Protein backbone atom coordinates (compact mmCIF):
# COMPACT_ATOMS: atom_id res chain seq x y z
CA MET A 1 94.96 115.50 88.48
CA ILE A 2 96.93 112.30 88.13
CA GLY A 3 99.97 111.89 90.33
CA PRO A 4 100.74 112.81 93.91
CA GLY A 5 99.19 115.92 95.42
CA LYS A 6 100.17 117.89 98.49
CA TYR A 7 98.14 115.61 100.78
CA ASP A 8 99.11 112.31 99.14
CA ASP A 9 101.28 111.11 102.05
CA LEU A 10 98.39 111.60 104.48
CA CYS A 11 96.01 109.87 102.06
CA THR A 12 98.39 106.90 101.92
CA THR A 13 98.47 106.73 105.72
CA VAL A 14 94.66 106.71 105.93
CA ARG A 15 94.35 104.07 103.19
CA GLU A 16 96.92 101.80 104.80
CA GLN A 17 95.58 102.18 108.36
CA THR A 18 92.02 101.47 107.26
CA LYS A 19 93.09 98.69 104.88
CA ALA A 20 90.87 100.34 102.28
CA ARG A 21 90.83 99.81 98.52
CA GLY A 22 90.38 103.53 98.10
CA VAL A 23 90.43 106.85 99.90
CA VAL A 24 89.42 110.35 98.91
CA LEU A 25 90.81 112.99 101.25
CA LEU A 26 89.40 116.52 101.06
CA VAL A 27 91.16 119.25 103.01
CA PHE A 28 89.65 122.68 103.54
CA ALA A 29 91.95 125.53 104.61
CA GLY A 30 94.62 123.14 105.92
CA GLU A 31 98.18 123.99 106.87
CA ASN A 32 99.16 123.56 103.21
CA GLY A 33 96.00 125.16 101.88
CA SER A 34 92.94 123.44 100.50
CA GLY A 35 93.28 120.40 98.30
CA PHE A 36 92.49 116.76 97.82
CA SER A 37 94.15 113.44 97.28
CA CYS A 38 92.64 110.28 95.89
CA GLN A 39 93.98 106.75 95.87
CA ALA A 40 91.75 104.01 94.52
CA ASP A 41 91.85 100.98 92.30
CA LEU A 42 90.43 101.21 88.78
CA GLU A 43 87.01 99.81 89.69
CA LEU A 44 86.47 102.41 92.43
CA THR A 45 87.93 105.21 90.34
CA LEU A 46 85.39 104.49 87.60
CA LYS A 47 82.57 104.61 90.18
CA MET A 48 83.84 107.77 91.85
CA PRO A 49 81.97 110.41 89.79
CA GLN A 50 78.59 108.88 90.66
CA MET A 51 79.59 108.33 94.27
CA LEU A 52 80.56 112.02 94.56
CA ARG A 53 77.30 113.13 92.91
CA ASP A 54 75.34 110.99 95.37
CA MET A 55 77.29 112.48 98.26
CA ALA A 56 76.65 116.03 97.04
CA ASP A 57 72.92 115.26 96.66
CA GLN A 58 72.80 113.95 100.24
CA ILE A 59 74.62 117.03 101.58
CA GLU A 60 72.12 119.29 99.79
CA LYS A 61 69.20 117.29 101.21
CA ASP A 62 70.64 117.56 104.73
CA ILE A 63 71.11 121.30 104.34
CA ALA A 64 67.55 121.75 103.06
CA ALA A 65 66.20 119.70 105.96
CA GLY A 66 68.18 121.76 108.46
CA ASN A 67 70.28 118.79 109.52
CA LEU A 68 73.63 120.57 109.34
């Protein structure tokens, strides 16, 4: 989705406070329900699919190893 989501204000706060070029905020069963917000420059946005795949792979490895 392009454009602000229900957690965009919080994502902006995190990005600004961390002085980050990009932030992906995932919310599970929050006050406003589950959702996500992403703010990133073009370079990071283009890298995001692979970064998310790598993260998912690591989560699966941790689960399989009993580390969660």
